[in-house]
Amino acid sequence: LKYTGVQAENAEDSERKDIFNTKS
């Protein structure tokens, strides 16, 4: 994706908390 100009972006709520969790 980076070769195409697409960058990874961290998803957060309006209070800057992570909303995609890698744990239970």
PDBML (XML) file of the C-alpha atoms, coordinates in Angstrom:
<?xml version="1.0" encoding="UTF-8" ?>
<PDBx:datablock datablockName="MODEL"
   xmlns:PDBx="http://pdbml.pdb.org/schema/pdbx-v50.xsd"
   xmlns:xsi="http://www.w3.org/2001/XMLSchema-instance"
   xsi:schemaLocation="http://pdbml.pdb.org/schema/pdbx-v50.xsd pdbx-v50.xsd">
   <PDBx:atom_siteCategory>
      <PDBx:atom_site id="1">
         <PDBx:B_iso_or_equiv>0.00</PDBx:B_iso_or_equiv>
         <PDBx:Cartn_x>0.000</PDBx:Cartn_x>
         <PDBx:Cartn_y>0.000</PDBx:Cartn_y>
         <PDBx:Cartn_z>0.000</PDBx:Cartn_z>
         <PDBx:auth_asym_id>A</PDBx:auth_asym_id>
         <PDBx:auth_atom_id>CA</PDBx:auth_atom_id>
         <PDBx:auth_comp_id>LEU</PDBx:auth_comp_id>
         <PDBx:auth_seq_id>1</PDBx:auth_seq_id>
         <PDBx:group_PDB>ATOM</PDBx:group_PDB>
         <PDBx:label_alt_id xsi:nil="true" />
         <PDBx:label_asym_id>A</PDBx:label_asym_id>
         <PDBx:label_atom_id>CA</PDBx:label_atom_id>
         <PDBx:label_comp_id>LEU</PDBx:label_comp_id>
         <PDBx:label_entity_id>1</PDBx:label_entity_id>
         <PDBx:label_seq_id>1</PDBx:label_seq_id>
         <PDBx:occupancy>1.00</PDBx:occupancy>
         <PDBx:pdbx_PDB_model_num>1</PDBx:pdbx_PDB_model_num>
         <PDBx:type_symbol>C</PDBx:type_symbol>
      </PDBx:atom_site>
      <PDBx:atom_site id="2">
         <PDBx:B_iso_or_equiv>0.00</PDBx:B_iso_or_equiv>
         <PDBx:Cartn_x>2.866</PDBx:Cartn_x>
         <PDBx:Cartn_y>2.367</PDBx:Cartn_y>
         <PDBx:Cartn_z>0.757</PDBx:Cartn_z>
         <PDBx:auth_asym_id>A</PDBx:auth_asym_id>
         <PDBx:auth_atom_id>CA</PDBx:auth_atom_id>
         <PDBx:auth_comp_id>LYS</PDBx:auth_comp_id>
         <PDBx:auth_seq_id>2</PDBx:auth_seq_id>
         <PDBx:group_PDB>ATOM</PDBx:group_PDB>
         <PDBx:label_alt_id xsi:nil="true" />
         <PDBx:label_asym_id>A</PDBx:label_asym_id>
         <PDBx:label_atom_id>CA</PDBx:label_atom_id>
         <PDBx:label_comp_id>LYS</PDBx:label_comp_id>
         <PDBx:label_entity_id>1</PDBx:label_entity_id>
         <PDBx:label_seq_id>2</PDBx:label_seq_id>
         <PDBx:occupancy>1.00</PDBx:occupancy>
         <PDBx:pdbx_PDB_model_num>1</PDBx:pdbx_PDB_model_num>
         <PDBx:type_symbol>C</PDBx:type_symbol>
      </PDBx:atom_site>
      <PDBx:atom_site id="3">
         <PDBx:B_iso_or_equiv>0.00</PDBx:B_iso_or_equiv>
         <PDBx:Cartn_x>4.132</PDBx:Cartn_x>
         <PDBx:Cartn_y>1.966</PDBx:Cartn_y>
         <PDBx:Cartn_z>-2.786</PDBx:Cartn_z>
         <PDBx:auth_asym_id>A</PDBx:auth_asym_id>
         <PDBx:auth_atom_id>CA</PDBx:auth_atom_id>
         <PDBx:auth_comp_id>TYR</PDBx:auth_comp_id>
         <PDBx:auth_seq_id>3</PDBx:auth_seq_id>
         <PDBx:group_PDB>ATOM</PDBx:group_PDB>
         <PDBx:label_alt_id xsi:nil="true" />
         <PDBx:label_asym_id>A</PDBx:label_asym_id>
         <PDBx:label_atom_id>CA</PDBx:label_atom_id>
         <PDBx:label_comp_id>TYR</PDBx:label_comp_id>
         <PDBx:label_entity_id>1</PDBx:label_entity_id>
         <PDBx:label_seq_id>3</PDBx:label_seq_id>
         <PDBx:occupancy>1.00</PDBx:occupancy>
         <PDBx:pdbx_PDB_model_num>1</PDBx:pdbx_PDB_model_num>
         <PDBx:type_symbol>C</PDBx:type_symbol>
      </PDBx:atom_site>
      <PDBx:atom_site id="4">
         <PDBx:B_iso_or_equiv>0.00</PDBx:B_iso_or_equiv>
         <PDBx:Cartn_x>0.741</PDBx:Cartn_x>
         <PDBx:Cartn_y>3.336</PDBx:Cartn_y>
         <PDBx:Cartn_z>-3.931</PDBx:Cartn_z>
         <PDBx:auth_asym_id>A</PDBx:auth_asym_id>
         <PDBx:auth_atom_id>CA</PDBx:auth_atom_id>
         <PDBx:auth_comp_id>THR</PDBx:auth_comp_id>
         <PDBx:auth_seq_id>4</PDBx:auth_seq_id>
         <PDBx:group_PDB>ATOM</PDBx:group_PDB>
         <PDBx:label_alt_id xsi:nil="true" />
         <PDBx:label_asym_id>A</PDBx:label_asym_id>
         <PDBx:label_atom_id>CA</PDBx:label_atom_id>
         <PDBx:label_comp_id>THR</PDBx:label_comp_id>
         <PDBx:label_entity_id>1</PDBx:label_entity_id>
         <PDBx:label_seq_id>4</PDBx:label_seq_id>
         <PDBx:occupancy>1.00</PDBx:occupancy>
         <PDBx:pdbx_PDB_model_num>1</PDBx:pdbx_PDB_model_num>
         <PDBx:type_symbol>C</PDBx:type_symbol>
      </PDBx:atom_site>
      <PDBx:atom_site id="5">
         <PDBx:B_iso_or_equiv>0.00</PDBx:B_iso_or_equiv>
         <PDBx:Cartn_x>0.871</PDBx:Cartn_x>
         <PDBx:Cartn_y>6.329</PDBx:Cartn_y>
         <PDBx:Cartn_z>-1.577</PDBx:Cartn_z>
         <PDBx:auth_asym_id>A</PDBx:auth_asym_id>
         <PDBx:auth_atom_id>CA</PDBx:auth_atom_id>
         <PDBx:auth_comp_id>GLY</PDBx:auth_comp_id>
         <PDBx:auth_seq_id>5</PDBx:auth_seq_id>
         <PDBx:group_PDB>ATOM</PDBx:group_PDB>
         <PDBx:label_alt_id xsi:nil="true" />
         <PDBx:label_asym_id>A</PDBx:label_asym_id>
         <PDBx:label_atom_id>CA</PDBx:label_atom_id>
         <PDBx:label_comp_id>GLY</PDBx:label_comp_id>
         <PDBx:label_entity_id>1</PDBx:label_entity_id>
         <PDBx:label_seq_id>5</PDBx:label_seq_id>
         <PDBx:occupancy>1.00</PDBx:occupancy>
         <PDBx:pdbx_PDB_model_num>1</PDBx:pdbx_PDB_model_num>
         <PDBx:type_symbol>C</PDBx:type_symbol>
      </PDBx:atom_site>
      <PDBx:atom_site id="6">
         <PDBx:B_iso_or_equiv>0.00</PDBx:B_iso_or_equiv>
         <PDBx:Cartn_x>-1.469</PDBx:Cartn_x>
         <PDBx:Cartn_y>4.869</PDBx:Cartn_y>
         <PDBx:Cartn_z>1.050</PDBx:Cartn_z>
         <PDBx:auth_asym_id>A</PDBx:auth_asym_id>
         <PDBx:auth_atom_id>CA</PDBx:auth_atom_id>
         <PDBx:auth_comp_id>VAL</PDBx:auth_comp_id>
         <PDBx:auth_seq_id>6</PDBx:auth_seq_id>
         <PDBx:group_PDB>ATOM</PDBx:group_PDB>
         <PDBx:label_alt_id xsi:nil="true" />
         <PDBx:label_asym_id>A</PDBx:label_asym_id>
         <PDBx:label_atom_id>CA</PDBx:label_atom_id>
         <PDBx:label_comp_id>VAL</PDBx:label_comp_id>
         <PDBx:label_entity_id>1</PDBx:label_entity_id>
         <PDBx:label_seq_id>6</PDBx:label_seq_id>
         <PDBx:occupancy>1.00</PDBx:occupancy>
         <PDBx:pdbx_PDB_model_num>1</PDBx:pdbx_PDB_model_num>
         <PDBx:type_symbol>C</PDBx:type_symbol>
      </PDBx:atom_site>
      <PDBx:atom_site id="7">
         <PDBx:B_iso_or_equiv>0.00</PDBx:B_iso_or_equiv>
         <PDBx:Cartn_x>-0.347</PDBx:Cartn_x>
         <PDBx:Cartn_y>5.259</PDBx:Cartn_y>
         <PDBx:Cartn_z>4.671</PDBx:Cartn_z>
         <PDBx:auth_asym_id>A</PDBx:auth_asym_id>
         <PDBx:auth_atom_id>CA</PDBx:auth_atom_id>
         <PDBx:auth_comp_id>GLN</PDBx:auth_comp_id>
         <PDBx:auth_seq_id>7</PDBx:auth_seq_id>
         <PDBx:group_PDB>ATOM</PDBx:group_PDB>
         <PDBx:label_alt_id xsi:nil="true" />
         <PDBx:label_asym_id>A</PDBx:label_asym_id>
         <PDBx:label_atom_id>CA</PDBx:label_atom_id>
         <PDBx:label_comp_id>GLN</PDBx:label_comp_id>
         <PDBx:label_entity_id>1</PDBx:label_entity_id>
         <PDBx:label_seq_id>7</PDBx:label_seq_id>
         <PDBx:occupancy>1.00</PDBx:occupancy>
         <PDBx:pdbx_PDB_model_num>1</PDBx:pdbx_PDB_model_num>
         <PDBx:type_symbol>C</PDBx:type_symbol>
      </PDBx:atom_site>
      <PDBx:atom_site id="8">
         <PDBx:B_iso_or_equiv>0.00</PDBx:B_iso_or_equiv>
         <PDBx:Cartn_x>-1.500</PDBx:Cartn_x>
         <PDBx:Cartn_y>3.354</PDBx:Cartn_y>
         <PDBx:Cartn_z>7.749</PDBx:Cartn_z>
         <PDBx:auth_asym_id>A</PDBx:auth_asym_id>
         <PDBx:auth_atom_id>CA</PDBx:auth_atom_id>
         <PDBx:auth_comp_id>ALA</PDBx:auth_comp_id>
         <PDBx:auth_seq_id>8</PDBx:auth_seq_id>
         <PDBx:group_PDB>ATOM</PDBx:group_PDB>
         <PDBx:label_alt_id xsi:nil="true" />
         <PDBx:label_asym_id>A</PDBx:label_asym_id>
         <PDBx:label_atom_id>CA</PDBx:label_atom_id>
         <PDBx:label_comp_id>ALA</PDBx:label_comp_id>
         <PDBx:label_entity_id>1</PDBx:label_entity_id>
         <PDBx:label_seq_id>8</PDBx:label_seq_id>
         <PDBx:occupancy>1.00</PDBx:occupancy>
         <PDBx:pdbx_PDB_model_num>1</PDBx:pdbx_PDB_model_num>
         <PDBx:type_symbol>C</PDBx:type_symbol>
      </PDBx:atom_site>
      <PDBx:atom_site id="9">
         <PDBx:B_iso_or_equiv>0.00</PDBx:B_iso_or_equiv>
         <PDBx:Cartn_x>-3.538</PDBx:Cartn_x>
         <PDBx:Cartn_y>5.505</PDBx:Cartn_y>
         <PDBx:Cartn_z>10.140</PDBx:Cartn_z>
         <PDBx:auth_asym_id>A</PDBx:auth_asym_id>
         <PDBx:auth_atom_id>CA</PDBx:auth_atom_id>
         <PDBx:auth_comp_id>GLU</PDBx:auth_comp_id>
         <PDBx:auth_seq_id>9</PDBx:auth_seq_id>
         <PDBx:group_PDB>ATOM</PDBx:group_PDB>
         <PDBx:label_alt_id xsi:nil="true" />
         <PDBx:label_asym_id>A</PDBx:label_asym_id>
         <PDBx:label_atom_id>CA</PDBx:label_atom_id>
         <PDBx:label_comp_id>GLU</PDBx:label_comp_id>
         <PDBx:label_entity_id>1</PDBx:label_entity_id>
         <PDBx:label_seq_id>9</PDBx:label_seq_id>
         <PDBx:occupancy>1.00</PDBx:occupancy>
         <PDBx:pdbx_PDB_model_num>1</PDBx:pdbx_PDB_model_num>
         <PDBx:type_symbol>C</PDBx:type_symbol>
      </PDBx:atom_site>
      <PDBx:atom_site id="10">
         <PDBx:B_iso_or_equiv>0.00</PDBx:B_iso_or_equiv>
         <PDBx:Cartn_x>-4.335</PDBx:Cartn_x>
         <PDBx:Cartn_y>4.685</PDBx:Cartn_y>
         <PDBx:Cartn_z>13.761</PDBx:Cartn_z>
         <PDBx:auth_asym_id>A</PDBx:auth_asym_id>
         <PDBx:auth_atom_id>CA</PDBx:auth_atom_id>
         <PDBx:auth_comp_id>ASN</PDBx:auth_comp_id>
         <PDBx:auth_seq_id>10</PDBx:auth_seq_id>
         <PDBx:group_PDB>ATOM</PDBx:group_PDB>
         <PDBx:label_alt_id xsi:nil="true" />
         <PDBx:label_asym_id>A</PDBx:label_asym_id>
         <PDBx:label_atom_id>CA</PDBx:label_atom_id>
         <PDBx:label_comp_id>ASN</PDBx:label_comp_id>
         <PDBx:label_entity_id>1</PDBx:label_entity_id>
         <PDBx:label_seq_id>10</PDBx:label_seq_id>
         <PDBx:occupancy>1.00</PDBx:occupancy>
         <PDBx:pdbx_PDB_model_num>1</PDBx:pdbx_PDB_model_num>
         <PDBx:type_symbol>C</PDBx:type_symbol>
      </PDBx:atom_site>
      <PDBx:atom_site id="11">
         <PDBx:B_iso_or_equiv>0.00</PDBx:B_iso_or_equiv>
         <PDBx:Cartn_x>-8.093</PDBx:Cartn_x>
         <PDBx:Cartn_y>4.723</PDBx:Cartn_y>
         <PDBx:Cartn_z>14.441</PDBx:Cartn_z>
         <PDBx:auth_asym_id>A</PDBx:auth_asym_id>
         <PDBx:auth_atom_id>CA</PDBx:auth_atom_id>
         <PDBx:auth_comp_id>ALA</PDBx:auth_comp_id>
         <PDBx:auth_seq_id>11</PDBx:auth_seq_id>
         <PDBx:group_PDB>ATOM</PDBx:group_PDB>
         <PDBx:label_alt_id xsi:nil="true" />
         <PDBx:label_asym_id>A</PDBx:label_asym_id>
         <PDBx:label_atom_id>CA</PDBx:label_atom_id>
         <PDBx:label_comp_id>ALA</PDBx:label_comp_id>
         <PDBx:label_entity_id>1</PDBx:label_entity_id>
         <PDBx:label_seq_id>11</PDBx:label_seq_id>
         <PDBx:occupancy>1.00</PDBx:occupancy>
         <PDBx:pdbx_PDB_model_num>1</PDBx:pdbx_PDB_model_num>
         <PDBx:type_symbol>C</PDBx:type_symbol>
      </PDBx:atom_site>
      <PDBx:atom_site id="12">
         <PDBx:B_iso_or_equiv>0.00</PDBx:B_iso_or_equiv>
         <PDBx:Cartn_x>-9.186</PDBx:Cartn_x>
         <PDBx:Cartn_y>6.582</PDBx:Cartn_y>
         <PDBx:Cartn_z>17.579</PDBx:Cartn_z>
         <PDBx:auth_asym_id>A</PDBx:auth_asym_id>
         <PDBx:auth_atom_id>CA</PDBx:auth_atom_id>
         <PDBx:auth_comp_id>GLU</PDBx:auth_comp_id>
         <PDBx:auth_seq_id>12</PDBx:auth_seq_id>
         <PDBx:group_PDB>ATOM</PDBx:group_PDB>
         <PDBx:label_alt_id xsi:nil="true" />
         <PDBx:label_asym_id>A</PDBx:label_asym_id>
         <PDBx:label_atom_id>CA</PDBx:label_atom_id>
         <PDBx:label_comp_id>GLU</PDBx:label_comp_id>
         <PDBx:label_entity_id>1</PDBx:label_entity_id>
         <PDBx:label_seq_id>12</PDBx:label_seq_id>
         <PDBx:occupancy>1.00</PDBx:occupancy>
         <PDBx:pdbx_PDB_model_num>1</PDBx:pdbx_PDB_model_num>
         <PDBx:type_symbol>C</PDBx:type_symbol>
      </PDBx:atom_site>
      <PDBx:atom_site id="13">
         <PDBx:B_iso_or_equiv>0.00</PDBx:B_iso_or_equiv>
         <PDBx:Cartn_x>-12.339</PDBx:Cartn_x>
         <PDBx:Cartn_y>7.953</PDBx:Cartn_y>
         <PDBx:Cartn_z>19.149</PDBx:Cartn_z>
         <PDBx:auth_asym_id>A</PDBx:auth_asym_id>
         <PDBx:auth_atom_id>CA</PDBx:auth_atom_id>
         <PDBx:auth_comp_id>ASP</PDBx:auth_comp_id>
         <PDBx:auth_seq_id>13</PDBx:auth_seq_id>
         <PDBx:group_PDB>ATOM</PDBx:group_PDB>
         <PDBx:label_alt_id xsi:nil="true" />
         <PDBx:label_asym_id>A</PDBx:label_asym_id>
         <PDBx:label_atom_id>CA</PDBx:label_atom_id>
         <PDBx:label_comp_id>ASP</PDBx:label_comp_id>
         <PDBx:label_entity_id>1</PDBx:label_entity_id>
         <PDBx:label_seq_id>13</PDBx:label_seq_id>
         <PDBx:occupancy>1.00</PDBx:occupancy>
         <PDBx:pdbx_PDB_model_num>1</PDBx:pdbx_PDB_model_num>
         <PDBx:type_symbol>C</PDBx:type_symbol>
      </PDBx:atom_site>
      <PDBx:atom_site id="14">
         <PDBx:B_iso_or_equiv>0.00</PDBx:B_iso_or_equiv>
         <PDBx:Cartn_x>-12.906</PDBx:Cartn_x>
         <PDBx:Cartn_y>11.669</PDBx:Cartn_y>
         <PDBx:Cartn_z>19.775</PDBx:Cartn_z>
         <PDBx:auth_asym_id>A</PDBx:auth_asym_id>
         <PDBx:auth_atom_id>CA</PDBx:auth_atom_id>
         <PDBx:auth_comp_id>SER</PDBx:auth_comp_id>
         <PDBx:auth_seq_id>14</PDBx:auth_seq_id>
         <PDBx:group_PDB>ATOM</PDBx:group_PDB>
         <PDBx:label_alt_id xsi:nil="true" />
         <PDBx:label_asym_id>A</PDBx:label_asym_id>
         <PDBx:label_atom_id>CA</PDBx:label_atom_id>
         <PDBx:label_comp_id>SER</PDBx:label_comp_id>
         <PDBx:label_entity_id>1</PDBx:label_entity_id>
         <PDBx:label_seq_id>14</PDBx:label_seq_id>
         <PDBx:occupancy>1.00</PDBx:occupancy>
         <PDBx:pdbx_PDB_model_num>1</PDBx:pdbx_PDB_model_num>
         <PDBx:type_symbol>C</PDBx:type_symbol>
      </PDBx:atom_site>
      <PDBx:atom_site id="15">
         <PDBx:B_iso_or_equiv>0.00</PDBx:B_iso_or_equiv>
         <PDBx:Cartn_x>-10.975</PDBx:Cartn_x>
         <PDBx:Cartn_y>11.331</PDBx:Cartn_y>
         <PDBx:Cartn_z>23.063</PDBx:Cartn_z>
         <PDBx:auth_asym_id>A</PDBx:auth_asym_id>
         <PDBx:auth_atom_id>CA</PDBx:auth_atom_id>
         <PDBx:auth_comp_id>GLU</PDBx:auth_comp_id>
         <PDBx:auth_seq_id>15</PDBx:auth_seq_id>
         <PDBx:group_PDB>ATOM</PDBx:group_PDB>
         <PDBx:label_alt_id xsi:nil="true" />
         <PDBx:label_asym_id>A</PDBx:label_asym_id>
         <PDBx:label_atom_id>CA</PDBx:label_atom_id>
         <PDBx:label_comp_id>GLU</PDBx:label_comp_id>
         <PDBx:label_entity_id>1</PDBx:label_entity_id>
         <PDBx:label_seq_id>15</PDBx:label_seq_id>
         <PDBx:occupancy>1.00</PDBx:occupancy>
         <PDBx:pdbx_PDB_model_num>1</PDBx:pdbx_PDB_model_num>
         <PDBx:type_symbol>C</PDBx:type_symbol>
      </PDBx:atom_site>
      <PDBx:atom_site id="16">
         <PDBx:B_iso_or_equiv>0.00</PDBx:B_iso_or_equiv>
         <PDBx:Cartn_x>-7.995</PDBx:Cartn_x>
         <PDBx:Cartn_y>9.742</PDBx:Cartn_y>
         <PDBx:Cartn_z>21.249</PDBx:Cartn_z>
         <PDBx:auth_asym_id>A</PDBx:auth_asym_id>
         <PDBx:auth_atom_id>CA</PDBx:auth_atom_id>
         <PDBx:auth_comp_id>ARG</PDBx:auth_comp_id>
         <PDBx:auth_seq_id>16</PDBx:auth_seq_id>
         <PDBx:group_PDB>ATOM</PDBx:group_PDB>
         <PDBx:label_alt_id xsi:nil="true" />
         <PDBx:label_asym_id>A</PDBx:label_asym_id>
         <PDBx:label_atom_id>CA</PDBx:label_atom_id>
         <PDBx:label_comp_id>ARG</PDBx:label_comp_id>
         <PDBx:label_entity_id>1</PDBx:label_entity_id>
         <PDBx:label_seq_id>16</PDBx:label_seq_id>
         <PDBx:occupancy>1.00</PDBx:occupancy>
         <PDBx:pdbx_PDB_model_num>1</PDBx:pdbx_PDB_model_num>
         <PDBx:type_symbol>C</PDBx:type_symbol>
      </PDBx:atom_site>
      <PDBx:atom_site id="17">
         <PDBx:B_iso_or_equiv>0.00</PDBx:B_iso_or_equiv>
         <PDBx:Cartn_x>-8.594</PDBx:Cartn_x>
         <PDBx:Cartn_y>6.265</PDBx:Cartn_y>
         <PDBx:Cartn_z>22.671</PDBx:Cartn_z>
         <PDBx:auth_asym_id>A</PDBx:auth_asym_id>
         <PDBx:auth_atom_id>CA</PDBx:auth_atom_id>
         <PDBx:auth_comp_id>LYS</PDBx:auth_comp_id>
         <PDBx:auth_seq_id>17</PDBx:auth_seq_id>
         <PDBx:group_PDB>ATOM</PDBx:group_PDB>
         <PDBx:label_alt_id xsi:nil="true" />
         <PDBx:label_asym_id>A</PDBx:label_asym_id>
         <PDBx:label_atom_id>CA</PDBx:label_atom_id>
         <PDBx:label_comp_id>LYS</PDBx:label_comp_id>
         <PDBx:label_entity_id>1</PDBx:label_entity_id>
         <PDBx:label_seq_id>17</PDBx:label_seq_id>
         <PDBx:occupancy>1.00</PDBx:occupancy>
         <PDBx:pdbx_PDB_model_num>1</PDBx:pdbx_PDB_model_num>
         <PDBx:type_symbol>C</PDBx:type_symbol>
      </PDBx:atom_site>
      <PDBx:atom_site id="18">
         <PDBx:B_iso_or_equiv>0.00</PDBx:B_iso_or_equiv>
         <PDBx:Cartn_x>-7.867</PDBx:Cartn_x>
         <PDBx:Cartn_y>3.276</PDBx:Cartn_y>
         <PDBx:Cartn_z>20.425</PDBx:Cartn_z>
         <PDBx:auth_asym_id>A</PDBx:auth_asym_id>
         <PDBx:auth_atom_id>CA</PDBx:auth_atom_id>
         <PDBx:auth_comp_id>ASP</PDBx:auth_comp_id>
         <PDBx:auth_seq_id>18</PDBx:auth_seq_id>
         <PDBx:group_PDB>ATOM</PDBx:group_PDB>
         <PDBx:label_alt_id xsi:nil="true" />
         <PDBx:label_asym_id>A</PDBx:label_asym_id>
         <PDBx:label_atom_id>CA</PDBx:label_atom_id>
         <PDBx:label_comp_id>ASP</PDBx:label_comp_id>
         <PDBx:label_entity_id>1</PDBx:label_entity_id>
         <PDBx:label_seq_id>18</PDBx:label_seq_id>
         <PDBx:occupancy>1.00</PDBx:occupancy>
         <PDBx:pdbx_PDB_model_num>1</PDBx:pdbx_PDB_model_num>
         <PDBx:type_symbol>C</PDBx:type_symbol>
      </PDBx:atom_site>
      <PDBx:atom_site id="19">
         <PDBx:B_iso_or_equiv>0.00</PDBx:B_iso_or_equiv>
         <PDBx:Cartn_x>-10.999</PDBx:Cartn_x>
         <PDBx:Cartn_y>1.716</PDBx:Cartn_y>
         <PDBx:Cartn_z>18.987</PDBx:Cartn_z>
         <PDBx:auth_asym_id>A</PDBx:auth_asym_id>
         <PDBx:auth_atom_id>CA</PDBx:auth_atom_id>
         <PDBx:auth_comp_id>ILE</PDBx:auth_comp_id>
         <PDBx:auth_seq_id>19</PDBx:auth_seq_id>
         <PDBx:group_PDB>ATOM</PDBx:group_PDB>
         <PDBx:label_alt_id xsi:nil="true" />
         <PDBx:label_asym_id>A</PDBx:label_asym_id>
         <PDBx:label_atom_id>CA</PDBx:label_atom_id>
         <PDBx:label_comp_id>ILE</PDBx:label_comp_id>
         <PDBx:label_entity_id>1</PDBx:label_entity_id>
         <PDBx:label_seq_id>19</PDBx:label_seq_id>
         <PDBx:occupancy>1.00</PDBx:occupancy>
         <PDBx:pdbx_PDB_model_num>1</PDBx:pdbx_PDB_model_num>
         <PDBx:type_symbol>C</PDBx:type_symbol>
      </PDBx:atom_site>
      <PDBx:atom_site id="20">
         <PDBx:B_iso_or_equiv>0.00</PDBx:B_iso_or_equiv>
         <PDBx:Cartn_x>-9.465</PDBx:Cartn_x>
         <PDBx:Cartn_y>-1.313</PDBx:Cartn_y>
         <PDBx:Cartn_z>17.255</PDBx:Cartn_z>
         <PDBx:auth_asym_id>A</PDBx:auth_asym_id>
         <PDBx:auth_atom_id>CA</PDBx:auth_atom_id>
         <PDBx:auth_comp_id>PHE</PDBx:auth_comp_id>
         <PDBx:auth_seq_id>20</PDBx:auth_seq_id>
         <PDBx:group_PDB>ATOM</PDBx:group_PDB>
         <PDBx:label_alt_id xsi:nil="true" />
         <PDBx:label_asym_id>A</PDBx:label_asym_id>
         <PDBx:label_atom_id>CA</PDBx:label_atom_id>
         <PDBx:label_comp_id>PHE</PDBx:label_comp_id>
         <PDBx:label_entity_id>1</PDBx:label_entity_id>
         <PDBx:label_seq_id>20</PDBx:label_seq_id>
         <PDBx:occupancy>1.00</PDBx:occupancy>
         <PDBx:pdbx_PDB_model_num>1</PDBx:pdbx_PDB_model_num>
         <PDBx:type_symbol>C</PDBx:type_symbol>
      </PDBx:atom_site>
      <PDBx:atom_site id="21">
         <PDBx:B_iso_or_equiv>0.00</PDBx:B_iso_or_equiv>
         <PDBx:Cartn_x>-8.201</PDBx:Cartn_x>
         <PDBx:Cartn_y>-3.621</PDBx:Cartn_y>
         <PDBx:Cartn_z>20.005</PDBx:Cartn_z>
         <PDBx:auth_asym_id>A</PDBx:auth_asym_id>
         <PDBx:auth_atom_id>CA</PDBx:auth_atom_id>
         <PDBx:auth_comp_id>ASN</PDBx:auth_comp_id>
         <PDBx:auth_seq_id>21</PDBx:auth_seq_id>
         <PDBx:group_PDB>ATOM</PDBx:group_PDB>
         <PDBx:label_alt_id xsi:nil="true" />
         <PDBx:label_asym_id>A</PDBx:label_asym_id>
         <PDBx:label_atom_id>CA</PDBx:label_atom_id>
         <PDBx:label_comp_id>ASN</PDBx:label_comp_id>
         <PDBx:label_entity_id>1</PDBx:label_entity_id>
         <PDBx:label_seq_id>21</PDBx:label_seq_id>
         <PDBx:occupancy>1.00</PDBx:occupancy>
         <PDBx:pdbx_PDB_model_num>1</PDBx:pdbx_PDB_model_num>
         <PDBx:type_symbol>C</PDBx:type_symbol>
      </PDBx:atom_site>
      <PDBx:atom_site id="22">
         <PDBx:B_iso_or_equiv>0.00</PDBx:B_iso_or_equiv>
         <PDBx:Cartn_x>-5.736</PDBx:Cartn_x>
         <PDBx:Cartn_y>-6.478</PDBx:Cartn_y>
         <PDBx:Cartn_z>19.562</PDBx:Cartn_z>
         <PDBx:auth_asym_id>A</PDBx:auth_asym_id>
         <PDBx:auth_atom_id>CA</PDBx:auth_atom_id>
         <PDBx:auth_comp_id>THR</PDBx:auth_comp_id>
         <PDBx:auth_seq_id>22</PDBx:auth_seq_id>
         <PDBx:group_PDB>ATOM</PDBx:group_PDB>
         <PDBx:label_alt_id xsi:nil="true" />
         <PDBx:label_asym_id>A</PDBx:label_asym_id>
         <PDBx:label_atom_id>CA</PDBx:label_atom_id>
         <PDBx:label_comp_id>THR</PDBx:label_comp_id>
         <PDBx:label_entity_id>1</PDBx:label_entity_id>
         <PDBx:label_seq_id>22</PDBx:label_seq_id>
         <PDBx:occupancy>1.00</PDBx:occupancy>
         <PDBx:pdbx_PDB_model_num>1</PDBx:pdbx_PDB_model_num>
         <PDBx:type_symbol>C</PDBx:type_symbol>
      </PDBx:atom_site>
      <PDBx:atom_site id="23">
         <PDBx:B_iso_or_equiv>0.00</PDBx:B_iso_or_equiv>
         <PDBx:Cartn_x>-6.698</PDBx:Cartn_x>
         <PDBx:Cartn_y>-8.004</PDBx:Cartn_y>
         <PDBx:Cartn_z>22.921</PDBx:Cartn_z>
         <PDBx:auth_asym_id>A</PDBx:auth_asym_id>
         <PDBx:auth_atom_id>CA</PDBx:auth_atom_id>
         <PDBx:auth_comp_id>LYS</PDBx:auth_comp_id>
         <PDBx:auth_seq_id>23</PDBx:auth_seq_id>
         <PDBx:group_PDB>ATOM</PDBx:group_PDB>
         <PDBx:label_alt_id xsi:nil="true" />
         <PDBx:label_asym_id>A</PDBx:label_asym_id>
         <PDBx:label_atom_id>CA</PDBx:label_atom_id>
         <PDBx:label_comp_id>LYS</PDBx:label_comp_id>
         <PDBx:label_entity_id>1</PDBx:label_entity_id>
         <PDBx:label_seq_id>23</PDBx:label_seq_id>
         <PDBx:occupancy>1.00</PDBx:occupancy>
         <PDBx:pdbx_PDB_model_num>1</PDBx:pdbx_PDB_model_num>
         <PDBx:type_symbol>C</PDBx:type_symbol>
      </PDBx:atom_site>
      <PDBx:atom_site id="24">
         <PDBx:B_iso_or_equiv>0.00</PDBx:B_iso_or_equiv>
         <PDBx:Cartn_x>-9.894</PDBx:Cartn_x>
         <PDBx:Cartn_y>-9.300</PDBx:Cartn_y>
         <PDBx:Cartn_z>24.535</PDBx:Cartn_z>
         <PDBx:auth_asym_id>A</PDBx:auth_asym_id>
         <PDBx:auth_atom_id>CA</PDBx:auth_atom_id>
         <PDBx:auth_comp_id>SER</PDBx:auth_comp_id>
         <PDBx:auth_seq_id>24</PDBx:auth_seq_id>
         <PDBx:group_PDB>ATOM</PDBx:group_PDB>
         <PDBx:label_alt_id xsi:nil="true" />
         <PDBx:label_asym_id>A</PDBx:label_asym_id>
         <PDBx:label_atom_id>CA</PDBx:label_atom_id>
         <PDBx:label_comp_id>SER</PDBx:label_comp_id>
         <PDBx:label_entity_id>1</PDBx:label_entity_id>
         <PDBx:label_seq_id>24</PDBx:label_seq_id>
         <PDBx:occupancy>1.00</PDBx:occupancy>
         <PDBx:pdbx_PDB_model_num>1</PDBx:pdbx_PDB_model_num>
         <PDBx:type_symbol>C</PDBx:type_symbol>
      </PDBx:atom_site>
   </PDBx:atom_siteCategory>
</PDBx:datablock>
